[in-house]
Amino acid sequence: MYRLYTTEALVLGSKNAGEANKYYFLLTRELGLVTAFAQGVREIKSKLRHGLEPYTYTSVSLVRGKEKWRLTNVESKSGLEGLSTSREKTKLAAKLCALIERLVHGEEEDTKLFDELIAALIFLAKQNLSTQKLHDYELFAVLRILDRLGYIAPRENWLSILDTELWRGPNLPDISNERKMLVVTINESLYHSQL
């Protein structure tokens, strides 16, 4: 008998498989990065299809088969609906999800990374940010993801960016003096990751 796992997840993306099936790339709270198979999900009558749109925060039930994970149930969670209100927000969410897919490999629980990404996306969904603040947001989010994955050596003047309370406030800190250094640090970290 197979064990059923139910966990929070963020849908990072998907890939078609056959005529009506899909593989979903999910960052889960308890299992890490998982590729899960959903049978018949592309059919109109499928109960799973509505909770599996890209960048959806959801609760999924999974069963581990002999060779792959299978999706058995999906329940959408609230918080990220505002991402679809703006093309810029959707593009930023896509960039962050692509970064996670690029840097996270295998199934390993990382609740801090999951919580960081969800908090960052909820903040993005709820805030009305100017173009400059959207660029700053991207730097903050990428730096914090890289930090959670161990790719960044924190500097004293970045403590406000790496502070756990950042996504709870209505405003982002001013980084006009550190912006160039942040870009250089992020690019160097990505280069040295060799991924």
C-alpha atoms as a PDB file:
ATOM      1  CA  MET A   1       0.000   0.000   0.000  1.00  0.00           C
ATOM      2  CA  TYR A   2       1.290   3.445  -0.911  1.00  0.00           C
ATOM      3  CA  ARG A   3       1.557   6.300   1.597  1.00  0.00           C
ATOM      4  CA  LEU A   4      -0.271   9.556   0.846  1.00  0.00           C
ATOM      5  CA  TYR A   5       1.712  12.783   1.419  1.00  0.00           C
ATOM      6  CA  THR A   6      -0.145  16.069   1.743  1.00  0.00           C
ATOM      7  CA  THR A   7       1.944  19.231   1.709  1.00  0.00           C
ATOM      8  CA  GLU A   8       1.910  22.878   0.717  1.00  0.00           C
ATOM      9  CA  ALA A   9       3.426  23.502  -2.709  1.00  0.00           C
ATOM     10  CA  LEU A  10       4.205  26.176  -5.238  1.00  0.00           C
ATOM     11  CA  VAL A  11       3.695  25.224  -8.885  1.00  0.00           C
ATOM     12  CA  LEU A  12       6.934  26.218 -10.631  1.00  0.00           C
ATOM     13  CA  GLY A  13       5.975  24.932 -14.062  1.00  0.00           C
ATOM     14  CA  SER A  14       4.791  21.931 -16.061  1.00  0.00           C
ATOM     15  CA  LYS A  15       5.483  19.795 -19.118  1.00  0.00           C
ATOM     16  CA  ASN A  16       2.948  17.979 -21.293  1.00  0.00           C
ATOM     17  CA  ALA A  17       3.076  14.181 -21.361  1.00  0.00           C
ATOM     18  CA  GLY A  18       0.995  12.344 -23.913  1.00  0.00           C
ATOM     19  CA  GLU A  19      -2.415  13.619 -24.969  1.00  0.00           C
ATOM     20  CA  ALA A  20      -3.957  14.524 -21.615  1.00  0.00           C
ATOM     21  CA  ASN A  21      -1.253  14.180 -18.956  1.00  0.00           C
ATOM     22  CA  LYS A  22       1.331  16.528 -17.470  1.00  0.00           C
ATOM     23  CA  TYR A  23       4.368  16.532 -15.267  1.00  0.00           C
ATOM     24  CA  TYR A  24       4.401  19.328 -12.694  1.00  0.00           C
ATOM     25  CA  PHE A  25       7.482  20.818 -11.067  1.00  0.00           C
ATOM     26  CA  LEU A  26       6.538  21.615  -7.489  1.00  0.00           C
ATOM     27  CA  LEU A  27       8.495  23.202  -4.678  1.00  0.00           C
ATOM     28  CA  THR A  28       6.941  21.550  -1.633  1.00  0.00           C
ATOM     29  CA  ARG A  29       7.315  22.497   2.001  1.00  0.00           C
ATOM     30  CA  GLU A  30       8.119  19.010   3.322  1.00  0.00           C
ATOM     31  CA  LEU A  31       9.550  17.183   0.300  1.00  0.00           C
ATOM     32  CA  GLY A  32      11.597  19.844  -1.513  1.00  0.00           C
ATOM     33  CA  LEU A  33      11.564  19.965  -5.306  1.00  0.00           C
ATOM     34  CA  VAL A  34       9.296  17.266  -6.703  1.00  0.00           C
ATOM     35  CA  THR A  35       8.287  16.302 -10.227  1.00  0.00           C
ATOM     36  CA  ALA A  36       4.758  14.875 -10.067  1.00  0.00           C
ATOM     37  CA  PHE A  37       2.674  13.171 -12.733  1.00  0.00           C
ATOM     38  CA  ALA A  38      -0.991  14.150 -13.171  1.00  0.00           C
ATOM     39  CA  GLN A  39      -3.018  11.789 -15.293  1.00  0.00           C
ATOM     40  CA  GLY A  40      -5.761  13.252 -17.484  1.00  0.00           C
ATOM     41  CA  VAL A  41      -5.192  16.760 -16.121  1.00  0.00           C
ATOM     42  CA  ARG A  42      -5.527  18.399 -19.535  1.00  0.00           C
ATOM     43  CA  GLU A  43      -9.060  17.059 -19.979  1.00  0.00           C
ATOM     44  CA  ILE A  44     -11.891  19.531 -19.336  1.00  0.00           C
ATOM     45  CA  LYS A  45     -13.485  17.248 -16.728  1.00  0.00           C
ATOM     46  CA  SER A  46     -10.286  16.991 -14.650  1.00  0.00           C
ATOM     47  CA  LYS A  47     -10.657  18.064 -11.017  1.00  0.00           C
ATOM     48  CA  LEU A  48      -6.923  18.754 -10.680  1.00  0.00           C
ATOM     49  CA  ARG A  49      -6.397  21.254 -13.473  1.00  0.00           C
ATOM     50  CA  HIS A  50      -7.625  24.419 -11.723  1.00  0.00           C
ATOM     51  CA  GLY A  51      -5.205  24.264  -8.816  1.00  0.00           C
ATOM     52  CA  LEU A  52      -2.136  23.636 -10.944  1.00  0.00           C
ATOM     53  CA  GLU A  53      -1.673  26.835 -12.920  1.00  0.00           C
ATOM     54  CA  PRO A  54       1.894  28.206 -12.922  1.00  0.00           C
ATOM     55  CA  TYR A  55       2.858  30.145  -9.760  1.00  0.00           C
ATOM     56  CA  THR A  56      -0.124  28.805  -7.815  1.00  0.00           C
ATOM     57  CA  TYR A  57       0.207  28.352  -4.062  1.00  0.00           C
ATOM     58  CA  THR A  58      -1.585  25.126  -3.295  1.00  0.00           C
ATOM     59  CA  SER A  59      -1.934  22.100  -1.068  1.00  0.00           C
ATOM     60  CA  VAL A  60      -1.205  18.874  -2.927  1.00  0.00           C
ATOM     61  CA  SER A  61      -1.656  15.211  -2.108  1.00  0.00           C
ATOM     62  CA  LEU A  62       0.979  12.954  -3.616  1.00  0.00           C
ATOM     63  CA  VAL A  63       1.589   9.232  -3.776  1.00  0.00           C
ATOM     64  CA  ARG A  64       5.062   7.866  -4.435  1.00  0.00           C
ATOM     65  CA  GLY A  65       4.842   5.121  -7.050  1.00  0.00           C
ATOM     66  CA  LYS A  66       7.643   2.786  -8.085  1.00  0.00           C
ATOM     67  CA  GLU A  67       9.167   5.327 -10.443  1.00  0.00           C
ATOM     68  CA  LYS A  68       7.442   8.687  -9.900  1.00  0.00           C
ATOM     69  CA  TRP A  69       5.228  10.865  -7.761  1.00  0.00           C
ATOM     70  CA  ARG A  70       1.561  11.013  -8.715  1.00  0.00           C
ATOM     71  CA  LEU A  71      -0.781  13.885  -7.929  1.00  0.00           C
ATOM     72  CA  THR A  72      -4.048  12.720  -6.380  1.00  0.00           C
ATOM     73  CA  ASN A  73      -5.582  15.935  -5.043  1.00  0.00           C
ATOM     74  CA  VAL A  74      -5.079  19.710  -5.222  1.00  0.00           C
ATOM     75  CA  GLU A  75      -6.562  22.549  -3.159  1.00  0.00           C
ATOM     76  CA  SER A  76      -5.656  26.138  -4.014  1.00  0.00           C
ATOM     77  CA  LYS A  77      -4.513  28.373  -1.175  1.00  0.00           C
ATOM     78  CA  SER A  78      -5.014  32.122  -1.164  1.00  0.00           C
ATOM     79  CA  GLY A  79      -2.361  34.809  -1.275  1.00  0.00           C
ATOM     80  CA  LEU A  80      -0.946  34.891  -4.802  1.00  0.00           C
ATOM     81  CA  GLU A  81      -3.997  36.003  -6.790  1.00  0.00           C
ATOM     82  CA  GLY A  82      -2.504  39.482  -7.222  1.00  0.00           C
ATOM     83  CA  LEU A  83       0.381  38.147  -9.320  1.00  0.00           C
ATOM     84  CA  SER A  84      -1.858  37.962 -12.373  1.00  0.00           C
ATOM     85  CA  THR A  85      -2.914  41.624 -12.110  1.00  0.00           C
ATOM     86  CA  SER A  86       0.297  42.847 -13.709  1.00  0.00           C
ATOM     87  CA  ARG A  87       2.523  41.539 -16.467  1.00  0.00           C
ATOM     88  CA  GLU A  88       5.609  42.719 -14.542  1.00  0.00           C
ATOM     89  CA  LYS A  89       4.567  40.795 -11.428  1.00  0.00           C
ATOM     90  CA  THR A  90       3.940  37.637 -13.433  1.00  0.00           C
ATOM     91  CA  LYS A  91       7.354  37.966 -15.116  1.00  0.00           C
ATOM     92  CA  LEU A  92       9.063  38.408 -11.740  1.00  0.00           C
ATOM     93  CA  ALA A  93       7.287  35.349 -10.317  1.00  0.00           C
ATOM     94  CA  ALA A  94       8.387  33.359 -13.382  1.00  0.00           C
ATOM     95  CA  LYS A  95      12.012  34.485 -12.914  1.00  0.00           C
ATOM     96  CA  LEU A  96      12.026  33.466  -9.253  1.00  0.00           C
ATOM     97  CA  CYS A  97      10.473  30.079 -10.029  1.00  0.00           C
ATOM     98  CA  ALA A  98      13.016  29.491 -12.821  1.00  0.00           C
ATOM     99  CA  LEU A  99      15.820  30.366 -10.390  1.00  0.00           C
ATOM    100  CA  ILE A 100      14.513  27.792  -7.902  1.00  0.00           C
ATOM    101  CA  GLU A 101      14.303  25.141 -10.633  1.00  0.00           C
ATOM    102  CA  ARG A 102      17.869  25.954 -11.645  1.00  0.00           C
ATOM    103  CA  LEU A 103      19.416  25.918  -8.163  1.00  0.00           C
ATOM    104  CA  VAL A 104      17.438  23.290  -6.237  1.00  0.00           C
ATOM    105  CA  HIS A 105      18.059  19.669  -7.123  1.00  0.00           C
ATOM    106  CA  GLY A 106      16.450  16.607  -5.662  1.00  0.00           C
ATOM    107  CA  GLU A 107      13.949  15.998  -2.965  1.00  0.00           C
ATOM    108  CA  GLU A 108      15.155  17.501   0.274  1.00  0.00           C
ATOM    109  CA  GLU A 109      13.066  19.322   2.846  1.00  0.00           C
ATOM    110  CA  ASP A 110      13.919  23.023   3.064  1.00  0.00           C
ATOM    111  CA  THR A 111      11.098  24.757   4.902  1.00  0.00           C
ATOM    112  CA  LYS A 112      13.077  28.016   5.210  1.00  0.00           C
ATOM    113  CA  LEU A 113      13.506  28.276   1.439  1.00  0.00           C
ATOM    114  CA  PHE A 114       9.855  27.401   0.830  1.00  0.00           C
ATOM    115  CA  ASP A 115       8.628  29.928   3.412  1.00  0.00           C
ATOM    116  CA  GLU A 116      10.972  32.590   1.973  1.00  0.00           C
ATOM    117  CA  LEU A 117       9.690  32.123  -1.569  1.00  0.00           C
ATOM    118  CA  ILE A 118       6.018  32.103  -0.546  1.00  0.00           C
ATOM    119  CA  ALA A 119       6.467  35.220   1.645  1.00  0.00           C
ATOM    120  CA  ALA A 120       8.277  37.021  -1.199  1.00  0.00           C
ATOM    121  CA  LEU A 121       5.556  36.146  -3.716  1.00  0.00           C
ATOM    122  CA  ILE A 122       2.729  37.122  -1.346  1.00  0.00           C
ATOM    123  CA  PHE A 123       4.466  40.470  -0.772  1.00  0.00           C
ATOM    124  CA  LEU A 124       4.777  40.962  -4.537  1.00  0.00           C
ATOM    125  CA  ALA A 125       1.126  40.008  -5.106  1.00  0.00           C
ATOM    126  CA  LYS A 126      -0.168  42.471  -2.487  1.00  0.00           C
ATOM    127  CA  GLN A 127       2.059  45.522  -3.083  1.00  0.00           C
ATOM    128  CA  ASN A 128       1.714  48.178  -5.749  1.00  0.00           C
ATOM    129  CA  LEU A 129       5.392  48.826  -6.539  1.00  0.00           C
ATOM    130  CA  SER A 130       6.912  51.415  -8.862  1.00  0.00           C
ATOM    131  CA  THR A 131       9.182  50.250 -11.680  1.00  0.00           C
ATOM    132  CA  GLN A 132      12.302  51.032  -9.604  1.00  0.00           C
ATOM    133  CA  LYS A 133      10.888  49.245  -6.567  1.00  0.00           C
ATOM    134  CA  LEU A 134      10.095  46.190  -8.736  1.00  0.00           C
ATOM    135  CA  HIS A 135      13.783  46.088  -9.729  1.00  0.00           C
ATOM    136  CA  ASP A 136      14.785  46.440  -6.076  1.00  0.00           C
ATOM    137  CA  TYR A 137      12.302  43.714  -5.133  1.00  0.00           C
ATOM    138  CA  GLU A 138      13.928  41.359  -7.626  1.00  0.00           C
ATOM    139  CA  LEU A 139      17.363  42.037  -6.125  1.00  0.00           C
ATOM    140  CA  PHE A 140      16.027  41.461  -2.590  1.00  0.00           C
ATOM    141  CA  ALA A 141      14.254  38.240  -3.509  1.00  0.00           C
ATOM    142  CA  VAL A 142      17.167  36.758  -5.463  1.00  0.00           C
ATOM    143  CA  LEU A 143      19.693  37.715  -2.780  1.00  0.00           C
ATOM    144  CA  ARG A 144      17.535  36.167  -0.068  1.00  0.00           C
ATOM    145  CA  ILE A 145      16.992  32.954  -2.060  1.00  0.00           C
ATOM    146  CA  LEU A 146      20.727  32.663  -2.714  1.00  0.00           C
ATOM    147  CA  ASP A 147      21.376  33.316   0.980  1.00  0.00           C
ATOM    148  CA  ARG A 148      18.921  30.571   2.036  1.00  0.00           C
ATOM    149  CA  LEU A 149      20.705  28.176  -0.319  1.00  0.00           C
ATOM    150  CA  GLY A 150      24.124  29.105   1.087  1.00  0.00           C
ATOM    151  CA  TYR A 151      25.497  30.942  -1.956  1.00  0.00           C
ATOM    152  CA  ILE A 152      25.911  34.365  -0.283  1.00  0.00           C
ATOM    153  CA  ALA A 153      28.324  35.448   2.431  1.00  0.00           C
ATOM    154  CA  PRO A 154      26.297  38.156   4.204  1.00  0.00           C
ATOM    155  CA  ARG A 155      27.747  41.634   4.584  1.00  0.00           C
ATOM    156  CA  GLU A 156      27.036  43.953   7.475  1.00  0.00           C
ATOM    157  CA  ASN A 157      25.295  46.586   5.353  1.00  0.00           C
ATOM    158  CA  TRP A 158      22.876  43.992   3.894  1.00  0.00           C
ATOM    159  CA  LEU A 159      21.398  42.901   7.219  1.00  0.00           C
ATOM    160  CA  SER A 160      18.183  44.856   6.560  1.00  0.00           C
ATOM    161  CA  ILE A 161      17.762  42.949   3.279  1.00  0.00           C
ATOM    162  CA  LEU A 162      18.388  39.567   4.890  1.00  0.00           C
ATOM    163  CA  ASP A 163      16.235  40.404   7.935  1.00  0.00           C
ATOM    164  CA  THR A 164      13.432  37.903   8.427  1.00  0.00           C
ATOM    165  CA  GLU A 165      10.868  40.703   8.768  1.00  0.00           C
ATOM    166  CA  LEU A 166      11.480  42.217   5.294  1.00  0.00           C
ATOM    167  CA  TRP A 167       8.367  40.772   3.604  1.00  0.00           C
ATOM    168  CA  ARG A 168       6.066  41.736   6.507  1.00  0.00           C
ATOM    169  CA  GLY A 169       6.435  45.484   6.111  1.00  0.00           C
ATOM    170  CA  PRO A 170       4.694  47.612   3.522  1.00  0.00           C
ATOM    171  CA  ASN A 171       7.929  49.179   2.230  1.00  0.00           C
ATOM    172  CA  LEU A 172      11.250  47.926   0.942  1.00  0.00           C
ATOM    173  CA  PRO A 173      14.474  49.436   2.343  1.00  0.00           C
ATOM    174  CA  ASP A 174      16.318  52.025   0.253  1.00  0.00           C
ATOM    175  CA  ILE A 175      19.290  50.393  -1.492  1.00  0.00           C
ATOM    176  CA  SER A 176      20.340  53.187  -3.830  1.00  0.00           C
ATOM    177  CA  ASN A 177      23.895  53.099  -2.423  1.00  0.00           C
ATOM    178  CA  GLU A 178      24.211  49.291  -2.498  1.00  0.00           C
ATOM    179  CA  ARG A 179      22.378  48.459  -5.746  1.00  0.00           C
ATOM    180  CA  LYS A 180      25.476  47.988  -7.935  1.00  0.00           C
ATOM    181  CA  MET A 181      27.238  45.901  -5.294  1.00  0.00           C
ATOM    182  CA  LEU A 182      24.166  43.694  -4.910  1.00  0.00           C
ATOM    183  CA  VAL A 183      24.019  43.068  -8.656  1.00  0.00           C
ATOM    184  CA  VAL A 184      27.729  42.174  -8.742  1.00  0.00           C
ATOM    185  CA  THR A 185      27.382  39.844  -5.735  1.00  0.00           C
ATOM    186  CA  ILE A 186      24.334  38.073  -7.178  1.00  0.00           C
ATOM    187  CA  ASN A 187      25.992  37.625 -10.577  1.00  0.00           C
ATOM    188  CA  GLU A 188      29.194  36.303  -8.992  1.00  0.00           C
ATOM    189  CA  SER A 189      27.223  33.868  -6.824  1.00  0.00           C
ATOM    190  CA  LEU A 190      25.297  32.575  -9.829  1.00  0.00           C
ATOM    191  CA  TYR A 191      28.501  32.278 -11.858  1.00  0.00           C
ATOM    192  CA  HIS A 192      30.305  30.362  -9.092  1.00  0.00           C
ATOM    193  CA  SER A 193      27.339  28.027  -8.584  1.00  0.00           C
ATOM    194  CA  GLN A 194      28.135  26.651 -12.084  1.00  0.00           C
ATOM    195  CA  LEU A 195      24.461  25.881 -12.577  1.00  0.00           C
END
